[in-house]
Amino acid sequence: MRKNILRVLVIPFMAAALAALAFSAAGQPPRDREGPPRPPRPFPESEQESRGLMKITEDVTYATANGVKLKLDVYQPRTKDPRLRRIAVHIHGGAWKGGDKESARAFMRELIRAGYIGFAVNYRLSGEAKFPAQIHDCKAAIRWIRENAKDYNGEPDCIAVFGTSAGGHLAALLGTSGGVEELEGGVGETGVSSDVQAVCDWFGPSNLATVHANLPNERNPVVDLLGAPVGEARELALLASPITHVDSGDPPFLIIHGTDDPTVPAEQSRVFYEALKKAGVTVKYIEVPGGKHGGFHDTDPSQRELVSEMIGFFDEHLK
């Protein structure tokens, strides 16, 4: 059933002054990976051990949008087991203006060990295209993955999606916006479902109309994403907000957020959790005491424990 995009949830809370994420690739358009190969980057642990565990196919084109080739990487276990495996799709963060799909490597080792096939997606950044291009690209990636899953020994109807920060926002929007035609787009494969069966949102903003309300426009990544100040593009900001589209048909959600996040306030996830729960969606919220904007290596629970929580959540809901 098509959802009503004009439905607005008014969420009364005061946003703290925030600092926008800074990345070396900020403001740069997506690179065409047909060019010279990238220098190798280290795996999170032993490169030799990780290469023995999984095969990585880099820079597969999943769609072309306005002449830009959109790429993803595929992570497969080095096994001849013919059984179809569940799929985990990573969407990178970077304030929608930076970052890269290579950040998925921090997660893929454990997902491969747990019996998943991984996909890591790049999308057009805000310096190249304004919203809704980013969600159009992510939905195109899901459609391509579903259409081609069996070629990689993946189960097309068992797709989980996860991401951090801006990637968490896009993962959450994939989960809540099924049936919203304005967000589906016509990029890449069509006639294939972009639905996902589980979502893990790592400290992503849920309401773009409020998340950076106290930042000046020139420092506000939401303004860069929308192409206009939020006050002038409120309807677009709400369309871009996962919380706007919440209903009982949404897939199971796991939300992870640090209490001391200086970039995206934990209140964004608290309110999102309550909205999902009120709608009857299966949802679990883990708030990390003292946690900042990711990098939960010295927290309780730790990053490794949180990744295990995510995998366990996917195991439970991808049957």
Protein backbone atom coordinates (compact mmCIF):
# COMPACT_ATOMS: atom_id res chain seq x y z
CA MET A 1 0.00 0.00 0.00
CA ARG A 2 1.38 3.42 -0.93
CA LYS A 3 2.17 5.48 2.11
CA ASN A 4 1.05 9.06 2.63
CA ILE A 5 4.22 11.14 2.36
CA LEU A 6 2.46 14.17 3.78
CA ARG A 7 2.07 12.47 7.15
CA VAL A 8 4.28 14.37 9.58
CA LEU A 9 5.31 13.35 13.05
CA VAL A 10 5.96 16.39 15.21
CA ILE A 11 8.71 15.55 17.63
CA PRO A 12 9.24 18.11 20.38
CA PHE A 13 12.77 18.08 21.63
CA MET A 14 15.59 20.58 21.77
CA ALA A 15 18.59 19.79 19.55
CA ALA A 16 22.03 20.47 20.97
CA ALA A 17 24.60 22.44 19.00
CA LEU A 18 26.30 19.94 16.75
CA ALA A 19 29.46 19.70 14.69
CA ALA A 20 29.15 18.38 11.14
CA LEU A 21 31.27 15.44 10.12
CA ALA A 22 34.44 16.25 8.20
CA PHE A 23 35.96 13.85 5.69
CA SER A 24 38.84 14.18 3.33
CA ALA A 25 36.50 13.39 0.45
CA ALA A 26 33.95 16.04 1.47
CA GLY A 27 32.30 17.78 -1.42
CA GLN A 28 33.93 15.55 -4.00
CA PRO A 29 31.79 13.74 -6.56
CA PRO A 30 31.83 9.94 -6.71
CA ARG A 31 34.84 8.66 -8.56
CA ASP A 32 34.55 6.53 -11.65
CA ARG A 33 36.18 3.27 -10.57
CA GLU A 34 37.03 2.39 -14.19
CA GLY A 35 40.19 4.46 -13.70
CA PRO A 36 43.49 3.45 -12.10
CA PRO A 37 43.20 0.89 -9.28
CA ARG A 38 43.19 2.15 -5.71
CA PRO A 39 46.17 1.42 -3.49
CA PRO A 40 45.51 -1.48 -1.13
CA ARG A 41 44.16 -0.64 2.31
CA PRO A 42 44.60 -2.77 5.41
CA PHE A 43 41.91 -5.09 6.67
CA PRO A 44 40.74 -4.53 10.25
CA GLU A 45 42.84 -7.41 11.54
CA SER A 46 45.26 -9.70 9.71
CA GLU A 47 45.17 -8.96 5.98
CA GLN A 48 46.46 -12.43 5.17
CA GLU A 49 43.85 -14.10 7.37
CA SER A 50 41.02 -11.96 5.99
CA ARG A 51 42.01 -12.68 2.40
CA GLY A 52 42.02 -16.36 3.25
CA LEU A 53 38.51 -16.04 4.68
CA MET A 54 36.81 -14.04 1.95
CA LYS A 55 36.96 -13.06 -1.68
CA ILE A 56 36.30 -9.40 -2.50
CA THR A 57 35.01 -8.38 -5.92
CA GLU A 58 35.44 -4.62 -6.16
CA ASP A 59 33.68 -1.93 -8.15
CA VAL A 60 30.81 -3.84 -9.70
CA THR A 61 28.53 -1.39 -11.52
CA TYR A 62 24.97 -1.73 -10.24
CA ALA A 63 23.50 1.24 -12.15
CA THR A 64 24.32 4.40 -14.06
CA ALA A 65 22.74 7.73 -13.09
CA ASN A 66 23.28 10.85 -15.18
CA GLY A 67 26.44 9.34 -16.62
CA VAL A 68 27.84 8.35 -13.20
CA LYS A 69 28.61 4.66 -12.77
CA LEU A 70 27.40 3.54 -9.35
CA LYS A 71 29.54 0.85 -7.76
CA LEU A 72 29.40 -1.79 -5.08
CA ASP A 73 31.81 -4.36 -3.64
CA VAL A 74 30.92 -8.00 -3.01
CA TYR A 75 32.30 -9.99 -0.06
CA GLN A 76 32.04 -13.76 -0.43
CA PRO A 77 33.36 -16.56 1.76
CA ARG A 78 36.05 -18.75 0.26
CA THR A 79 33.97 -21.90 0.36
CA LYS A 80 32.38 -24.25 -2.12
CA ASP A 81 29.27 -24.69 0.03
CA PRO A 82 26.42 -24.47 -2.52
CA ARG A 83 23.75 -23.37 -0.04
CA LEU A 84 22.34 -19.87 -0.52
CA ARG A 85 23.50 -17.44 2.13
CA ARG A 86 21.77 -14.52 3.79
CA ILE A 87 22.80 -11.07 2.56
CA ALA A 88 24.07 -8.08 4.54
CA VAL A 89 24.29 -4.74 2.72
CA HIS A 90 26.46 -1.94 4.11
CA ILE A 91 25.85 1.76 3.40
CA HIS A 92 28.71 4.07 4.34
CA GLY A 93 28.53 7.25 6.38
CA GLY A 94 30.17 10.61 5.77
CA ALA A 95 27.52 13.33 6.22
CA TRP A 96 26.19 12.40 2.76
CA LYS A 97 29.12 14.30 1.26
CA GLY A 98 32.08 11.98 1.90
CA GLY A 99 33.00 8.45 2.86
CA ASP A 100 33.40 5.34 0.76
CA LYS A 101 32.17 1.75 0.59
CA GLU A 102 35.57 0.50 1.78
CA SER A 103 34.51 1.29 5.36
CA ALA A 104 32.44 -1.91 5.18
CA ARG A 105 35.63 -3.91 5.73
CA ALA A 106 35.43 -3.19 9.44
CA PHE A 107 32.27 -5.35 9.58
CA MET A 108 32.57 -7.90 6.82
CA ARG A 109 35.00 -10.31 8.45
CA GLU A 110 32.53 -11.16 11.23
CA LEU A 111 29.55 -11.26 8.87
CA ILE A 112 31.35 -13.70 6.58
CA ARG A 113 32.22 -15.88 9.56
CA ALA A 114 28.55 -15.85 10.56
CA GLY A 115 27.49 -17.18 7.17
CA TYR A 116 26.56 -14.01 5.27
CA ILE A 117 27.44 -12.61 1.88
CA GLY A 118 28.23 -8.93 2.06
CA PHE A 119 27.63 -6.06 -0.32
CA ALA A 120 29.03 -2.55 0.22
CA VAL A 121 27.38 0.28 -1.69
CA ASN A 122 28.56 3.66 -2.92
CA TYR A 123 25.97 6.28 -3.80
CA ARG A 124 26.05 9.78 -5.26
CA LEU A 125 27.24 12.28 -2.68
CA SER A 126 25.64 15.64 -2.00
CA GLY A 127 28.36 17.48 -3.94
CA GLU A 128 27.28 15.57 -7.04
CA ALA A 129 23.50 15.26 -6.62
CA LYS A 130 20.90 16.41 -4.11
CA PHE A 131 18.31 14.33 -2.28
CA PRO A 132 16.52 12.08 -3.21
CA ALA A 133 19.42 10.87 -5.41
CA GLN A 134 21.05 9.11 -2.44
CA ILE A 135 18.04 6.95 -1.55
CA HIS A 136 17.28 6.37 -5.24
CA ASP A 137 20.79 4.93 -5.57
CA CYS A 138 20.46 2.78 -2.45
CA LYS A 139 17.14 1.37 -3.63
CA ALA A 140 18.67 0.70 -7.04
CA ALA A 141 21.46 -1.20 -5.29
CA ILE A 142 18.97 -3.34 -3.36
CA ARG A 143 17.07 -4.10 -6.56
CA TRP A 144 20.29 -5.07 -8.33
CA ILE A 145 21.40 -7.24 -5.42
CA ARG A 146 18.03 -9.01 -5.29
CA GLU A 147 18.07 -9.58 -9.07
CA ASN A 148 21.65 -10.90 -9.07
CA ALA A 149 21.86 -12.49 -5.61
CA LYS A 150 21.95 -16.10 -6.76
CA ASP A 151 24.93 -15.39 -9.01
CA TYR A 152 26.86 -14.77 -5.76
CA ASN A 153 25.19 -17.61 -3.84
CA GLY A 154 22.95 -15.19 -1.97
CA GLU A 155 19.32 -15.61 -0.93
CA PRO A 156 17.35 -12.80 -2.65
CA ASP A 157 14.59 -12.73 -0.04
CA CYS A 158 16.92 -12.52 2.97
CA ILE A 159 18.46 -9.04 2.77
CA ALA A 160 19.53 -7.05 5.80
CA VAL A 161 20.87 -3.51 5.51
CA PHE A 162 23.04 -1.56 7.92
CA GLY A 163 25.04 1.64 8.04
CA THR A 164 26.65 4.23 10.30
CA SER A 165 25.69 7.90 10.66
CA ALA A 166 24.50 9.11 7.22
CA GLY A 167 24.61 5.45 6.18
CA GLY A 168 22.43 4.60 9.16
CA HIS A 169 19.97 7.25 8.00
CA LEU A 170 19.84 5.75 4.49
CA ALA A 171 19.54 2.21 5.86
CA ALA A 172 16.66 3.33 8.09
CA LEU A 173 15.00 5.12 5.18
CA LEU A 174 15.23 1.93 3.12
CA GLY A 175 13.43 0.18 5.95
CA THR A 176 10.58 2.64 6.43
CA SER A 177 9.92 4.00 2.94
CA GLY A 178 8.62 0.92 1.13
CA GLY A 179 5.91 2.01 -1.28
CA VAL A 180 6.85 5.72 -1.31
CA GLU A 181 7.09 6.33 -5.03
CA GLU A 182 9.02 9.60 -4.70
CA LEU A 183 11.82 7.71 -2.94
CA GLU A 184 11.86 4.65 -5.20
CA GLY A 185 13.23 6.42 -8.27
CA GLY A 186 13.97 4.88 -11.65
CA VAL A 187 17.71 4.29 -11.35
CA GLY A 188 19.08 0.96 -12.55
CA GLU A 189 17.02 -2.22 -12.32
CA THR A 190 13.26 -1.67 -12.25
CA GLY A 191 10.39 -4.06 -11.72
CA VAL A 192 12.22 -5.62 -8.77
CA SER A 193 11.40 -5.06 -5.09
CA SER A 194 13.67 -2.77 -3.06
CA ASP A 195 12.27 -4.12 0.23
CA VAL A 196 14.69 -5.24 2.93
CA GLN A 197 13.97 -7.79 5.64
CA ALA A 198 15.96 -6.30 8.54
CA VAL A 199 17.71 -3.02 9.38
CA CYS A 200 20.51 -2.02 11.74
CA ASP A 201 20.79 1.75 12.14
CA TRP A 202 24.06 2.79 13.78
CA PHE A 203 23.56 6.34 15.16
CA GLY A 204 21.86 7.73 12.07
CA PRO A 205 19.58 10.80 12.20
CA SER A 206 15.88 9.99 11.97
CA ASN A 207 14.44 13.49 11.51
CA LEU A 208 16.33 15.78 9.12
CA ALA A 209 14.06 18.71 9.91
CA THR A 210 15.46 18.88 13.44
CA VAL A 211 18.79 17.07 13.70
CA HIS A 212 21.07 20.02 12.89
CA ALA A 213 18.61 22.84 13.54
CA ASN A 214 21.14 24.89 15.54
CA LEU A 215 23.92 24.75 12.96
CA PRO A 216 24.47 27.67 10.58
CA ASN A 217 23.53 26.79 7.01
CA GLU A 218 27.12 26.86 5.78
CA ARG A 219 28.06 24.13 8.28
CA ASN A 220 24.89 22.06 8.07
CA PRO A 221 25.28 18.83 6.05
CA VAL A 222 21.48 18.54 5.77
CA VAL A 223 21.49 21.83 3.83
CA ASP A 224 24.11 20.37 1.49
CA LEU A 225 22.00 17.24 1.08
CA LEU A 226 18.74 19.04 0.36
CA GLY A 227 20.26 21.88 -1.65
CA ALA A 228 18.45 24.53 0.42
CA PRO A 229 18.06 25.64 4.04
CA VAL A 230 15.75 23.36 5.97
CA GLY A 231 13.33 26.25 6.58
CA GLU A 232 12.90 26.61 2.83
CA ALA A 233 12.76 22.85 2.13
CA ARG A 234 10.87 21.51 5.14
CA GLU A 235 8.66 19.21 3.08
CA LEU A 236 11.74 17.69 1.43
CA ALA A 237 13.44 17.34 4.83
CA LEU A 238 10.42 15.43 6.13
CA LEU A 239 10.31 13.27 3.01
CA ALA A 240 13.98 12.44 3.68
CA SER A 241 13.29 11.52 7.33
CA PRO A 242 12.87 7.82 8.19
CA ILE A 243 10.51 8.67 11.05
CA THR A 244 8.01 10.28 8.65
CA HIS A 245 7.28 6.96 6.97
CA VAL A 246 7.05 4.60 9.96
CA ASP A 247 4.16 2.12 9.85
CA SER A 248 3.34 -1.41 10.92
CA GLY A 249 4.64 -2.93 7.68
CA ASP A 250 8.25 -1.96 8.36
CA PRO A 251 10.88 -4.70 8.82
CA PRO A 252 12.54 -5.42 12.18
CA PHE A 253 14.92 -2.68 13.35
CA LEU A 254 17.99 -2.66 15.59
CA ILE A 255 19.12 0.85 16.57
CA ILE A 256 22.51 1.56 18.19
CA HIS A 257 23.49 4.98 19.55
CA GLY A 258 25.95 6.45 22.06
CA THR A 259 24.64 8.60 24.89
CA ASP A 260 27.36 11.23 24.36
CA ASP A 261 27.21 11.49 20.58
CA PRO A 262 28.25 15.10 19.76
CA THR A 263 27.17 14.88 16.10
CA VAL A 264 23.79 13.15 16.04
CA PRO A 265 22.04 13.40 19.42
CA ALA A 266 20.87 10.13 20.92
CA GLU A 267 17.41 11.70 21.19
CA GLN A 268 17.07 11.16 17.44
CA SER A 269 17.24 7.40 17.99
CA ARG A 270 15.19 7.41 21.18
CA VAL A 271 12.25 9.08 19.46
CA PHE A 272 12.64 6.89 16.39
CA TYR A 273 12.59 3.79 18.58
CA GLU A 274 9.40 4.94 20.30
CA ALA A 275 7.72 5.66 16.94
CA LEU A 276 8.60 2.21 15.60
CA LYS A 277 7.44 0.53 18.80
CA LYS A 278 4.15 2.47 18.78
CA ALA A 279 3.54 1.36 15.17
CA GLY A 280 3.97 -2.29 16.18
CA VAL A 281 7.32 -2.79 14.45
CA THR A 282 9.75 -5.29 15.96
CA VAL A 283 12.49 -3.00 17.26
CA LYS A 284 15.42 -3.19 19.66
CA TYR A 285 17.35 -0.17 20.91
CA ILE A 286 20.86 -0.35 22.37
CA GLU A 287 22.11 2.88 23.93
CA VAL A 288 25.83 2.81 24.65
CA PRO A 289 26.75 4.64 27.89
CA GLY A 290 29.43 7.23 27.21
CA GLY A 291 29.46 6.35 23.52
CA LYS A 292 30.45 9.05 21.06
CA HIS A 293 29.76 9.14 17.31
CA GLY A 294 30.86 5.56 16.66
CA GLY A 295 34.14 3.86 17.50
CA PHE A 296 32.75 2.02 20.54
CA HIS A 297 36.04 0.31 21.31
CA ASP A 298 36.36 1.47 24.93
CA THR A 299 32.68 1.29 25.84
CA ASP A 300 30.47 -1.31 27.46
CA PRO A 301 29.14 -2.85 25.29
CA SER A 302 32.16 -2.66 22.99
CA GLN A 303 32.24 -2.41 19.21
CA ARG A 304 32.87 -6.13 18.87
CA GLU A 305 29.95 -6.94 21.16
CA LEU A 306 27.70 -4.58 19.22
CA VAL A 307 28.63 -6.20 15.91
CA SER A 308 27.76 -9.55 17.50
CA GLU A 309 24.42 -8.08 18.61
CA MET A 310 23.76 -6.96 15.04
CA ILE A 311 24.58 -10.36 13.60
CA GLY A 312 22.41 -12.08 16.19
CA PHE A 313 19.55 -9.74 15.34
CA PHE A 314 19.91 -10.50 11.63
CA ASP A 315 20.10 -14.24 12.38
CA GLU A 316 16.85 -14.02 14.34
CA HIS A 317 14.89 -12.19 11.68
CA LEU A 318 16.26 -13.54 8.41
CA LYS A 319 14.68 -16.96 8.40
